[in-house]
Amino acid sequence: MESTPKDAKDEKDEVEKTRESDKKAAKADKKAEKAAKKAAPKAKKPLPKFVVPLVCAVVALVVGLGIGYFAFGGSASSGSGAVSGKTTVSKSDLDATMATYTYKGVTYKVTVRDVINSTSSLSAQKQSDGTYKIPSTDGVLSYARSQIIEQTAKEKGLTVSAKEMKSYAESTIGSSDYATIASNYGMSKSTVKALIKQSALMQKLRNKVVKTKSTTAPTAPTQPSDGNTQTASADYAKYIINLAGDEWDASKGTWSGKGGTYETALKSYTITSTSATYEAAQAAYYVAYQEYSTNQTKITTEWTNYVNKLLCNAKVNMVSLVA
């Protein structure tokens, strides 16, 4: 049926009303979005180094090893019955064998106490009913792996002095006050010292067996106070030239022309011996950080491959698998 003039006008009015309604809805949505953004919590700053969980800090150098390359055998024996099939144990069963690992023909027992003390303390893990949770399978594997790496370091004649322990603790955790660290993380002082010593020994082993030389992470250029990325200064020029090394020809006051990574990345910027922009310095920083990151990846790969070769010679026997 065809629309009458009146019907057409009504339809037009309805269309206009719909458009107005859509506009109001859109405005309301934008207003709500702005309010939500305003109300949303701001991103938190990274936690200071000393509040990073202790275990993560002292074993950071073995990150990337994975569970890997252990061979699994049958059930562990000798006292395993006390924990077999259980998820908790009493104080009297803390020294029961929950796993064994064999390395270079020698078999070593792993007790509930061993695994708990490798990351925490008995007092911290004691439950309200006086029992203790059976450590996870990952905890057992991590313990065995660390023991094997530590043994290898000692076989190579490596040791860690008290001074080296202090230096390592301060560089990784931010403190060498073992008593305070133990208190903060619910661990015993002796456990903290053992973990730090073990990790420092692992670092020595890594430094000995990894051929790729470690480099220092580059420091980003200081941002201009006015926030203008085109701000130029002699300091930014010096920053770039120091990073570029022999890619910069000091006698000519320009690039060497060899087409190095810095020269290639910064060819679109105007740089002299006495002037460069913050933007150019930031571009140089990105190049430096990429090189550093690539180098760290090589180191991690070498270390991981080395440790995995060690673990290929080991076999772990588990009493039970606990997640």
C-alpha atoms as a PDB file:
ATOM      1  CA  MET A   1       0.000   0.000   0.000  1.00  0.00           C
ATOM      2  CA  GLU A   2       1.390   3.453  -0.995  1.00  0.00           C
ATOM      3  CA  SER A   3       2.097   6.083   1.676  1.00  0.00           C
ATOM      4  CA  THR A   4      -0.083   9.157   1.841  1.00  0.00           C
ATOM      5  CA  PRO A   5       1.571  12.597   2.235  1.00  0.00           C
ATOM      6  CA  LYS A   6       0.736  12.441   5.942  1.00  0.00           C
ATOM      7  CA  ASP A   7       2.264   8.978   6.256  1.00  0.00           C
ATOM      8  CA  ALA A   8       5.475  10.148   4.552  1.00  0.00           C
ATOM      9  CA  LYS A   9       5.782  13.079   6.952  1.00  0.00           C
ATOM     10  CA  ASP A  10       5.286  10.778   9.908  1.00  0.00           C
ATOM     11  CA  GLU A  11       7.963   8.421   8.611  1.00  0.00           C
ATOM     12  CA  LYS A  12      10.365  11.351   8.185  1.00  0.00           C
ATOM     13  CA  ASP A  13       9.674  12.486  11.723  1.00  0.00           C
ATOM     14  CA  GLU A  14      10.336   8.979  13.020  1.00  0.00           C
ATOM     15  CA  VAL A  15      13.664   8.862  11.152  1.00  0.00           C
ATOM     16  CA  GLU A  16      14.714  12.211  12.662  1.00  0.00           C
ATOM     17  CA  LYS A  17      13.726  11.039  16.124  1.00  0.00           C
ATOM     18  CA  THR A  18      15.761   7.859  15.660  1.00  0.00           C
ATOM     19  CA  ARG A  19      18.816   9.864  14.552  1.00  0.00           C
ATOM     20  CA  GLU A  20      18.527  12.178  17.540  1.00  0.00           C
ATOM     21  CA  SER A  21      18.173   9.164  19.822  1.00  0.00           C
ATOM     22  CA  ASP A  22      21.272   7.561  18.277  1.00  0.00           C
ATOM     23  CA  LYS A  23      23.256  10.798  18.733  1.00  0.00           C
ATOM     24  CA  LYS A  24      22.246  11.036  22.379  1.00  0.00           C
ATOM     25  CA  ALA A  25      23.153   7.373  22.930  1.00  0.00           C
ATOM     26  CA  ALA A  26      26.544   7.890  21.289  1.00  0.00           C
ATOM     27  CA  LYS A  27      27.218  10.929  23.491  1.00  0.00           C
ATOM     28  CA  ALA A  28      26.194   8.951  26.545  1.00  0.00           C
ATOM     29  CA  ASP A  29      28.519   6.110  25.550  1.00  0.00           C
ATOM     30  CA  LYS A  30      31.461   8.507  25.131  1.00  0.00           C
ATOM     31  CA  LYS A  31      30.692  10.136  28.467  1.00  0.00           C
ATOM     32  CA  ALA A  32      30.526   6.731  30.160  1.00  0.00           C
ATOM     33  CA  GLU A  33      33.802   5.689  28.494  1.00  0.00           C
ATOM     34  CA  LYS A  34      35.558   8.824  29.749  1.00  0.00           C
ATOM     35  CA  ALA A  35      34.192   8.260  33.239  1.00  0.00           C
ATOM     36  CA  ALA A  36      35.369   4.648  33.191  1.00  0.00           C
ATOM     37  CA  LYS A  37      38.869   5.662  32.095  1.00  0.00           C
ATOM     38  CA  LYS A  38      38.985   8.286  34.826  1.00  0.00           C
ATOM     39  CA  ALA A  39      37.836   5.809  37.451  1.00  0.00           C
ATOM     40  CA  ALA A  40      40.141   3.028  36.288  1.00  0.00           C
ATOM     41  CA  PRO A  41      43.183   2.490  38.493  1.00  0.00           C
ATOM     42  CA  LYS A  42      46.451   3.768  37.068  1.00  0.00           C
ATOM     43  CA  ALA A  43      49.144   1.281  36.213  1.00  0.00           C
ATOM     44  CA  LYS A  44      51.197   0.430  39.223  1.00  0.00           C
ATOM     45  CA  LYS A  45      54.918   1.044  39.244  1.00  0.00           C
ATOM     46  CA  PRO A  46      57.086  -2.067  39.199  1.00  0.00           C
ATOM     47  CA  LEU A  47      57.780  -3.429  42.654  1.00  0.00           C
ATOM     48  CA  PRO A  48      61.219  -2.524  43.979  1.00  0.00           C
ATOM     49  CA  LYS A  49      63.837  -5.216  43.577  1.00  0.00           C
ATOM     50  CA  PHE A  50      63.910  -6.193  47.246  1.00  0.00           C
ATOM     51  CA  VAL A  51      60.242  -7.225  47.321  1.00  0.00           C
ATOM     52  CA  VAL A  52      60.563  -9.626  44.408  1.00  0.00           C
ATOM     53  CA  PRO A  53      60.033 -13.149  45.788  1.00  0.00           C
ATOM     54  CA  LEU A  54      63.332 -14.421  47.072  1.00  0.00           C
ATOM     55  CA  VAL A  55      63.326 -17.708  45.218  1.00  0.00           C
ATOM     56  CA  CYS A  56      62.718 -15.941  41.901  1.00  0.00           C
ATOM     57  CA  ALA A  57      65.579 -13.571  42.626  1.00  0.00           C
ATOM     58  CA  VAL A  58      68.227 -16.085  43.592  1.00  0.00           C
ATOM     59  CA  VAL A  59      67.480 -18.586  40.846  1.00  0.00           C
ATOM     60  CA  ALA A  60      66.885 -16.070  38.073  1.00  0.00           C
ATOM     61  CA  LEU A  61      70.020 -17.220  36.292  1.00  0.00           C
ATOM     62  CA  VAL A  62      68.535 -20.651  35.611  1.00  0.00           C
ATOM     63  CA  VAL A  63      65.305 -19.342  34.120  1.00  0.00           C
ATOM     64  CA  GLY A  64      64.584 -21.065  30.841  1.00  0.00           C
ATOM     65  CA  LEU A  65      65.845 -24.487  31.827  1.00  0.00           C
ATOM     66  CA  GLY A  66      62.351 -25.904  31.926  1.00  0.00           C
ATOM     67  CA  ILE A  67      61.642 -29.262  33.516  1.00  0.00           C
ATOM     68  CA  GLY A  68      63.529 -30.789  30.655  1.00  0.00           C
ATOM     69  CA  TYR A  69      65.519 -33.808  29.851  1.00  0.00           C
ATOM     70  CA  PHE A  70      65.067 -35.778  33.036  1.00  0.00           C
ATOM     71  CA  ALA A  71      64.336 -39.447  32.518  1.00  0.00           C
ATOM     72  CA  PHE A  72      61.581 -40.782  34.749  1.00  0.00           C
ATOM     73  CA  GLY A  73      61.732 -44.167  36.402  1.00  0.00           C
ATOM     74  CA  GLY A  74      59.423 -46.093  38.719  1.00  0.00           C
ATOM     75  CA  SER A  75      58.548 -45.487  42.353  1.00  0.00           C
ATOM     76  CA  ALA A  76      61.156 -44.440  44.859  1.00  0.00           C
ATOM     77  CA  SER A  77      61.858 -46.873  47.641  1.00  0.00           C
ATOM     78  CA  SER A  78      63.197 -46.773  51.190  1.00  0.00           C
ATOM     79  CA  GLY A  79      60.680 -44.953  53.297  1.00  0.00           C
ATOM     80  CA  SER A  80      58.451 -43.928  50.441  1.00  0.00           C
ATOM     81  CA  GLY A  81      55.471 -45.706  51.951  1.00  0.00           C
ATOM     82  CA  ALA A  82      55.074 -42.881  54.462  1.00  0.00           C
ATOM     83  CA  VAL A  83      54.162 -40.408  51.707  1.00  0.00           C
ATOM     84  CA  SER A  84      52.896 -42.638  48.909  1.00  0.00           C
ATOM     85  CA  GLY A  85      49.417 -41.602  47.849  1.00  0.00           C
ATOM     86  CA  LYS A  86      49.243 -38.771  50.387  1.00  0.00           C
ATOM     87  CA  THR A  87      48.865 -35.016  49.935  1.00  0.00           C
ATOM     88  CA  THR A  88      49.925 -34.093  53.495  1.00  0.00           C
ATOM     89  CA  VAL A  89      52.367 -35.530  56.018  1.00  0.00           C
ATOM     90  CA  SER A  90      52.931 -35.200  59.753  1.00  0.00           C
ATOM     91  CA  LYS A  91      56.124 -33.906  61.349  1.00  0.00           C
ATOM     92  CA  SER A  92      57.381 -37.469  61.845  1.00  0.00           C
ATOM     93  CA  ASP A  93      57.291 -38.092  58.081  1.00  0.00           C
ATOM     94  CA  LEU A  94      59.205 -34.982  56.965  1.00  0.00           C
ATOM     95  CA  ASP A  95      62.336 -37.067  56.422  1.00  0.00           C
ATOM     96  CA  ALA A  96      60.552 -39.773  54.459  1.00  0.00           C
ATOM     97  CA  THR A  97      61.779 -40.256  50.889  1.00  0.00           C
ATOM     98  CA  MET A  98      59.361 -38.750  48.376  1.00  0.00           C
ATOM     99  CA  ALA A  99      61.652 -39.181  45.370  1.00  0.00           C
ATOM    100  CA  THR A 100      65.129 -40.223  44.326  1.00  0.00           C
ATOM    101  CA  TYR A 101      67.343 -39.030  41.518  1.00  0.00           C
ATOM    102  CA  THR A 102      70.252 -40.875  40.002  1.00  0.00           C
ATOM    103  CA  TYR A 103      73.146 -38.961  38.502  1.00  0.00           C
ATOM    104  CA  LYS A 104      76.401 -40.442  37.226  1.00  0.00           C
ATOM    105  CA  GLY A 105      75.498 -43.812  38.693  1.00  0.00           C
ATOM    106  CA  VAL A 106      74.852 -42.497  42.219  1.00  0.00           C
ATOM    107  CA  THR A 107      71.340 -42.369  43.688  1.00  0.00           C
ATOM    108  CA  TYR A 108      70.306 -39.569  46.031  1.00  0.00           C
ATOM    109  CA  LYS A 109      67.204 -39.412  48.243  1.00  0.00           C
ATOM    110  CA  VAL A 110      64.860 -36.425  48.214  1.00  0.00           C
ATOM    111  CA  THR A 111      62.784 -35.917  51.349  1.00  0.00           C
ATOM    112  CA  VAL A 112      59.773 -33.732  52.043  1.00  0.00           C
ATOM    113  CA  ARG A 113      61.998 -31.613  54.288  1.00  0.00           C
ATOM    114  CA  ASP A 114      64.576 -31.152  51.510  1.00  0.00           C
ATOM    115  CA  VAL A 115      62.059 -29.757  49.036  1.00  0.00           C
ATOM    116  CA  ILE A 116      60.269 -27.506  51.531  1.00  0.00           C
ATOM    117  CA  ASN A 117      63.527 -26.037  52.803  1.00  0.00           C
ATOM    118  CA  SER A 118      64.722 -25.382  49.262  1.00  0.00           C
ATOM    119  CA  THR A 119      62.129 -22.638  48.801  1.00  0.00           C
ATOM    120  CA  SER A 120      60.554 -21.890  52.174  1.00  0.00           C
ATOM    121  CA  SER A 121      60.680 -23.008  55.804  1.00  0.00           C
ATOM    122  CA  LEU A 122      58.914 -25.690  57.831  1.00  0.00           C
ATOM    123  CA  SER A 123      57.315 -23.094  60.103  1.00  0.00           C
ATOM    124  CA  ALA A 124      55.909 -21.177  57.128  1.00  0.00           C
ATOM    125  CA  GLN A 125      54.510 -24.336  55.525  1.00  0.00           C
ATOM    126  CA  LYS A 126      53.043 -25.837  58.678  1.00  0.00           C
ATOM    127  CA  GLN A 127      49.248 -25.974  58.468  1.00  0.00           C
ATOM    128  CA  SER A 128      46.785 -25.257  61.266  1.00  0.00           C
ATOM    129  CA  ASP A 129      46.359 -28.986  61.983  1.00  0.00           C
ATOM    130  CA  GLY A 130      50.132 -29.477  62.335  1.00  0.00           C
ATOM    131  CA  THR A 131      50.601 -31.228  58.983  1.00  0.00           C
ATOM    132  CA  TYR A 132      52.581 -30.205  55.906  1.00  0.00           C
ATOM    133  CA  LYS A 133      51.542 -30.324  52.254  1.00  0.00           C
ATOM    134  CA  ILE A 134      53.486 -32.729  50.063  1.00  0.00           C
ATOM    135  CA  PRO A 135      55.655 -30.568  47.743  1.00  0.00           C
ATOM    136  CA  SER A 136      54.683 -30.518  44.079  1.00  0.00           C
ATOM    137  CA  THR A 137      56.353 -32.532  41.347  1.00  0.00           C
ATOM    138  CA  ASP A 138      57.809 -29.299  39.946  1.00  0.00           C
ATOM    139  CA  GLY A 139      59.313 -28.597  43.357  1.00  0.00           C
ATOM    140  CA  VAL A 140      61.033 -31.991  43.412  1.00  0.00           C
ATOM    141  CA  LEU A 141      62.379 -31.575  39.874  1.00  0.00           C
ATOM    142  CA  SER A 142      63.619 -28.066  40.658  1.00  0.00           C
ATOM    143  CA  TYR A 143      65.391 -29.352  43.769  1.00  0.00           C
ATOM    144  CA  ALA A 144      67.057 -32.224  41.910  1.00  0.00           C
ATOM    145  CA  ARG A 145      68.075 -29.957  39.033  1.00  0.00           C
ATOM    146  CA  SER A 146      69.663 -27.422  41.383  1.00  0.00           C
ATOM    147  CA  GLN A 147      71.540 -30.160  43.245  1.00  0.00           C
ATOM    148  CA  ILE A 148      72.965 -31.531  39.996  1.00  0.00           C
ATOM    149  CA  ILE A 149      74.098 -28.101  38.799  1.00  0.00           C
ATOM    150  CA  GLU A 150      75.647 -27.349  42.193  1.00  0.00           C
ATOM    151  CA  GLN A 151      77.459 -30.694  42.196  1.00  0.00           C
ATOM    152  CA  THR A 152      78.847 -29.997  38.716  1.00  0.00           C
ATOM    153  CA  ALA A 153      80.140 -26.599  39.834  1.00  0.00           C
ATOM    154  CA  LYS A 154      81.927 -28.141  42.791  1.00  0.00           C
ATOM    155  CA  GLU A 155      83.413 -30.852  40.566  1.00  0.00           C
ATOM    156  CA  LYS A 156      84.950 -28.074  38.492  1.00  0.00           C
ATOM    157  CA  GLY A 157      86.583 -26.662  41.631  1.00  0.00           C
ATOM    158  CA  LEU A 158      84.303 -23.647  41.925  1.00  0.00           C
ATOM    159  CA  THR A 159      83.586 -22.135  45.343  1.00  0.00           C
ATOM    160  CA  VAL A 160      81.827 -19.057  46.696  1.00  0.00           C
ATOM    161  CA  SER A 161      83.294 -16.905  49.452  1.00  0.00           C
ATOM    162  CA  ALA A 162      81.305 -14.968  52.049  1.00  0.00           C
ATOM    163  CA  LYS A 163      82.244 -11.746  50.254  1.00  0.00           C
ATOM    164  CA  GLU A 164      80.973 -13.118  46.935  1.00  0.00           C
ATOM    165  CA  MET A 165      77.747 -14.231  48.571  1.00  0.00           C
ATOM    166  CA  LYS A 166      77.225 -10.728  49.952  1.00  0.00           C
ATOM    167  CA  SER A 167      77.890  -9.152  46.562  1.00  0.00           C
ATOM    168  CA  TYR A 168      75.536 -11.577  44.818  1.00  0.00           C
ATOM    169  CA  ALA A 169      72.754 -11.011  47.342  1.00  0.00           C
ATOM    170  CA  GLU A 170      73.007  -7.243  47.033  1.00  0.00           C
ATOM    171  CA  SER A 171      72.973  -7.343  43.235  1.00  0.00           C
ATOM    172  CA  THR A 172      70.000  -9.725  42.946  1.00  0.00           C
ATOM    173  CA  ILE A 173      67.876  -9.086  46.027  1.00  0.00           C
ATOM    174  CA  GLY A 174      69.027  -5.609  47.004  1.00  0.00           C
ATOM    175  CA  SER A 175      70.268  -6.623  50.448  1.00  0.00           C
ATOM    176  CA  SER A 176      72.795  -8.895  52.133  1.00  0.00           C
ATOM    177  CA  ASP A 177      71.139  -8.783  55.548  1.00  0.00           C
ATOM    178  CA  TYR A 178      70.306 -12.481  55.667  1.00  0.00           C
ATOM    179  CA  ALA A 179      68.315 -12.268  58.900  1.00  0.00           C
ATOM    180  CA  THR A 180      66.047  -9.541  57.517  1.00  0.00           C
ATOM    181  CA  ILE A 181      65.597 -11.362  54.215  1.00  0.00           C
ATOM    182  CA  ALA A 182      64.679 -14.547  56.096  1.00  0.00           C
ATOM    183  CA  SER A 183      62.154 -12.656  58.206  1.00  0.00           C
ATOM    184  CA  ASN A 184      60.595 -10.935  55.190  1.00  0.00           C
ATOM    185  CA  TYR A 185      60.104 -14.196  53.297  1.00  0.00           C
ATOM    186  CA  GLY A 186      59.205 -16.542  56.128  1.00  0.00           C
ATOM    187  CA  MET A 187      62.392 -18.556  55.782  1.00  0.00           C
ATOM    188  CA  SER A 188      65.204 -19.497  58.114  1.00  0.00           C
ATOM    189  CA  LYS A 189      68.464 -17.577  57.899  1.00  0.00           C
ATOM    190  CA  SER A 190      70.354 -20.780  57.101  1.00  0.00           C
ATOM    191  CA  THR A 191      68.002 -21.536  54.185  1.00  0.00           C
ATOM    192  CA  VAL A 192      68.441 -18.025  52.782  1.00  0.00           C
ATOM    193  CA  LYS A 193      72.219 -18.302  52.953  1.00  0.00           C
ATOM    194  CA  ALA A 194      72.151 -21.758  51.360  1.00  0.00           C
ATOM    195  CA  LEU A 195      69.969 -20.556  48.480  1.00  0.00           C
ATOM    196  CA  ILE A 196      72.125 -17.511  47.841  1.00  0.00           C
ATOM    197  CA  LYS A 197      75.321 -19.550  47.972  1.00  0.00           C
ATOM    198  CA  GLN A 198      73.901 -22.175  45.624  1.00  0.00           C
ATOM    199  CA  SER A 199      72.689 -19.578  43.139  1.00  0.00           C
ATOM    200  CA  ALA A 200      75.974 -17.662  43.235  1.00  0.00           C
ATOM    201  CA  LEU A 201      77.777 -20.949  42.555  1.00  0.00           C
ATOM    202  CA  MET A 202      75.477 -21.610  39.583  1.00  0.00           C
ATOM    203  CA  GLN A 203      76.291 -18.177  38.234  1.00  0.00           C
ATOM    204  CA  LYS A 204      80.011 -18.935  38.458  1.00  0.00           C
ATOM    205  CA  LEU A 205      79.468 -22.166  36.570  1.00  0.00           C
ATOM    206  CA  ARG A 206      77.478 -20.386  33.890  1.00  0.00           C
ATOM    207  CA  ASN A 207      80.181 -17.751  33.491  1.00  0.00           C
ATOM    208  CA  LYS A 208      82.743 -20.526  33.114  1.00  0.00           C
ATOM    209  CA  VAL A 209      80.957 -22.696  30.548  1.00  0.00           C
ATOM    210  CA  VAL A 210      79.132 -20.089  28.438  1.00  0.00           C
ATOM    211  CA  LYS A 211      81.373 -18.765  25.663  1.00  0.00           C
ATOM    212  CA  THR A 212      79.272 -15.737  24.688  1.00  0.00           C
ATOM    213  CA  LYS A 213      80.490 -12.770  26.707  1.00  0.00           C
ATOM    214  CA  SER A 214      77.914 -10.974  28.796  1.00  0.00           C
ATOM    215  CA  THR A 215      77.233  -7.298  28.069  1.00  0.00           C
ATOM    216  CA  THR A 216      75.696  -4.535  30.150  1.00  0.00           C
ATOM    217  CA  ALA A 217      72.192  -3.340  29.400  1.00  0.00           C
ATOM    218  CA  PRO A 218      72.274   0.149  27.849  1.00  0.00           C
ATOM    219  CA  THR A 219      70.945   3.134  29.766  1.00  0.00           C
ATOM    220  CA  ALA A 220      68.247   5.149  28.020  1.00  0.00           C
ATOM    221  CA  PRO A 221      69.022   8.794  27.203  1.00  0.00           C
ATOM    222  CA  THR A 222      67.655  11.415  29.595  1.00  0.00           C
ATOM    223  CA  GLN A 223      64.394  12.881  28.359  1.00  0.00           C
ATOM    224  CA  PRO A 224      64.346  16.641  27.675  1.00  0.00           C
ATOM    225  CA  SER A 225      62.610  18.607  30.421  1.00  0.00           C
ATOM    226  CA  ASP A 226      60.233  20.241  27.947  1.00  0.00           C
ATOM    227  CA  GLY A 227      59.178  16.902  26.479  1.00  0.00           C
ATOM    228  CA  ASN A 228      60.200  17.989  22.974  1.00  0.00           C
ATOM    229  CA  THR A 229      61.752  15.024  21.163  1.00  0.00           C
ATOM    230  CA  GLN A 230      63.409  17.409  18.700  1.00  0.00           C
ATOM    231  CA  THR A 231      65.463  19.017  21.459  1.00  0.00           C
ATOM    232  CA  ALA A 232      69.111  18.877  20.360  1.00  0.00           C
ATOM    233  CA  SER A 233      72.242  18.944  22.504  1.00  0.00           C
ATOM    234  CA  ALA A 234      75.899  17.967  22.610  1.00  0.00           C
ATOM    235  CA  ASP A 235      75.047  15.393  25.289  1.00  0.00           C
ATOM    236  CA  TYR A 236      72.743  13.495  22.920  1.00  0.00           C
ATOM    237  CA  ALA A 237      75.469  13.539  20.253  1.00  0.00           C
ATOM    238  CA  LYS A 238      77.997  12.160  22.750  1.00  0.00           C
ATOM    239  CA  TYR A 239      75.501   9.491  23.829  1.00  0.00           C
ATOM    240  CA  ILE A 240      75.017   8.294  20.236  1.00  0.00           C
ATOM    241  CA  ILE A 241      78.726   8.369  19.362  1.00  0.00           C
ATOM    242  CA  ASN A 242      79.633   6.356  22.473  1.00  0.00           C
ATOM    243  CA  LEU A 243      77.133   3.653  21.501  1.00  0.00           C
ATOM    244  CA  ALA A 244      78.140   3.647  17.821  1.00  0.00           C
ATOM    245  CA  GLY A 245      81.827   3.043  18.540  1.00  0.00           C
ATOM    246  CA  ASP A 246      83.895   2.620  15.361  1.00  0.00           C
ATOM    247  CA  GLU A 247      80.823   3.210  13.202  1.00  0.00           C
ATOM    248  CA  TRP A 248      81.452   6.898  13.860  1.00  0.00           C
ATOM    249  CA  ASP A 249      84.512   8.518  12.245  1.00  0.00           C
ATOM    250  CA  ALA A 250      85.697  11.085  14.810  1.00  0.00           C
ATOM    251  CA  SER A 251      88.257  12.596  12.421  1.00  0.00           C
ATOM    252  CA  LYS A 252      85.544  13.414   9.877  1.00  0.00           C
ATOM    253  CA  GLY A 253      82.792  14.072  12.383  1.00  0.00           C
ATOM    254  CA  THR A 254      80.364  11.774  10.617  1.00  0.00           C
ATOM    255  CA  TRP A 255      79.538   8.133  10.001  1.00  0.00           C
ATOM    256  CA  SER A 256      82.322   5.846   8.809  1.00  0.00           C
ATOM    257  CA  GLY A 257      80.329   4.801   5.748  1.00  0.00           C
ATOM    258  CA  LYS A 258      80.618   1.086   6.524  1.00  0.00           C
ATOM    259  CA  GLY A 259      76.869   0.681   6.836  1.00  0.00           C
ATOM    260  CA  GLY A 260      76.818  -0.588  10.421  1.00  0.00           C
ATOM    261  CA  THR A 261      73.665  -1.090  12.482  1.00  0.00           C
ATOM    262  CA  TYR A 262      73.734   2.369  14.064  1.00  0.00           C
ATOM    263  CA  GLU A 263      74.580   4.154  10.821  1.00  0.00           C
ATOM    264  CA  THR A 264      71.764   2.333   9.042  1.00  0.00           C
ATOM    265  CA  ALA A 265      69.201   2.971  11.780  1.00  0.00           C
ATOM    266  CA  LEU A 266      70.093   6.646  12.218  1.00  0.00           C
ATOM    267  CA  LYS A 267      70.787   7.690   8.622  1.00  0.00           C
ATOM    268  CA  SER A 268      67.610   9.812   8.492  1.00  0.00           C
ATOM    269  CA  TYR A 269      68.681  11.925  11.496  1.00  0.00           C
ATOM    270  CA  THR A 270      70.978  14.925  11.392  1.00  0.00           C
ATOM    271  CA  ILE A 271      73.862  14.139  13.726  1.00  0.00           C
ATOM    272  CA  THR A 272      77.140  15.988  14.204  1.00  0.00           C
ATOM    273  CA  SER A 273      79.933  15.616  16.729  1.00  0.00           C
ATOM    274  CA  THR A 274      78.330  18.324  18.866  1.00  0.00           C
ATOM    275  CA  SER A 275      74.606  18.063  18.192  1.00  0.00           C
ATOM    276  CA  ALA A 276      71.860  15.444  17.978  1.00  0.00           C
ATOM    277  CA  THR A 277      68.217  15.317  18.987  1.00  0.00           C
ATOM    278  CA  TYR A 278      66.670  13.302  21.774  1.00  0.00           C
ATOM    279  CA  GLU A 279      64.698  11.445  19.124  1.00  0.00           C
ATOM    280  CA  ALA A 280      67.948  10.336  17.465  1.00  0.00           C
ATOM    281  CA  ALA A 281      69.428   9.317  20.822  1.00  0.00           C
ATOM    282  CA  GLN A 282      66.324   7.266  21.550  1.00  0.00           C
ATOM    283  CA  ALA A 283      66.679   5.518  18.184  1.00  0.00           C
ATOM    284  CA  ALA A 284      70.290   4.689  19.044  1.00  0.00           C
ATOM    285  CA  TYR A 285      69.129   3.303  22.384  1.00  0.00           C
ATOM    286  CA  TYR A 286      66.697   0.955  20.621  1.00  0.00           C
ATOM    287  CA  VAL A 287      69.553  -0.397  18.497  1.00  0.00           C
ATOM    288  CA  ALA A 288      71.749  -0.880  21.563  1.00  0.00           C
ATOM    289  CA  TYR A 289      69.013  -2.626  23.493  1.00  0.00           C
ATOM    290  CA  GLN A 290      68.243  -4.942  20.588  1.00  0.00           C
ATOM    291  CA  GLU A 291      71.903  -5.955  20.447  1.00  0.00           C
ATOM    292  CA  TYR A 292      71.928  -6.507  24.206  1.00  0.00           C
ATOM    293  CA  SER A 293      68.745  -8.584  24.021  1.00  0.00           C
ATOM    294  CA  THR A 294      70.162 -10.731  21.209  1.00  0.00           C
ATOM    295  CA  ASN A 295      73.330 -11.301  23.213  1.00  0.00           C
ATOM    296  CA  GLN A 296      71.356 -12.328  26.304  1.00  0.00           C
ATOM    297  CA  THR A 297      69.349 -14.779  24.245  1.00  0.00           C
ATOM    298  CA  LYS A 298      72.567 -16.418  23.038  1.00  0.00           C
ATOM    299  CA  ILE A 299      73.808 -16.707  26.623  1.00  0.00           C
ATOM    300  CA  THR A 300      70.528 -18.212  27.812  1.00  0.00           C
ATOM    301  CA  THR A 301      70.521 -20.709  24.939  1.00  0.00           C
ATOM    302  CA  GLU A 302      74.100 -21.825  25.626  1.00  0.00           C
ATOM    303  CA  TRP A 303      73.430 -22.214  29.340  1.00  0.00           C
ATOM    304  CA  THR A 304      70.171 -24.082  28.785  1.00  0.00           C
ATOM    305  CA  ASN A 305      71.809 -26.493  26.347  1.00  0.00           C
ATOM    306  CA  TYR A 306      74.654 -27.107  28.795  1.00  0.00           C
ATOM    307  CA  VAL A 307      72.323 -27.861  31.702  1.00  0.00           C
ATOM    308  CA  ASN A 308      70.094 -30.066  29.582  1.00  0.00           C
ATOM    309  CA  LYS A 309      73.124 -32.185  28.705  1.00  0.00           C
ATOM    310  CA  LEU A 310      73.725 -32.640  32.429  1.00  0.00           C
ATOM    311  CA  LEU A 311      70.115 -33.633  32.990  1.00  0.00           C
ATOM    312  CA  CYS A 312      70.279 -36.184  30.183  1.00  0.00           C
ATOM    313  CA  ASN A 313      72.483 -38.201  32.529  1.00  0.00           C
ATOM    314  CA  ALA A 314      69.961 -38.107  35.361  1.00  0.00           C
ATOM    315  CA  LYS A 315      66.871 -40.141  36.205  1.00  0.00           C
ATOM    316  CA  VAL A 316      64.164 -39.203  38.691  1.00  0.00           C
ATOM    317  CA  ASN A 317      61.945 -41.707  40.514  1.00  0.00           C
ATOM    318  CA  MET A 318      58.783 -40.195  41.994  1.00  0.00           C
ATOM    319  CA  VAL A 319      56.624 -41.634  44.760  1.00  0.00           C
ATOM    320  CA  SER A 320      53.563 -39.738  43.569  1.00  0.00           C
ATOM    321  CA  LEU A 321      52.726 -36.869  41.268  1.00  0.00           C
ATOM    322  CA  VAL A 322      51.394 -33.818  43.075  1.00  0.00           C
ATOM    323  CA  ALA A 323      50.403 -30.731  41.116  1.00  0.00           C
END
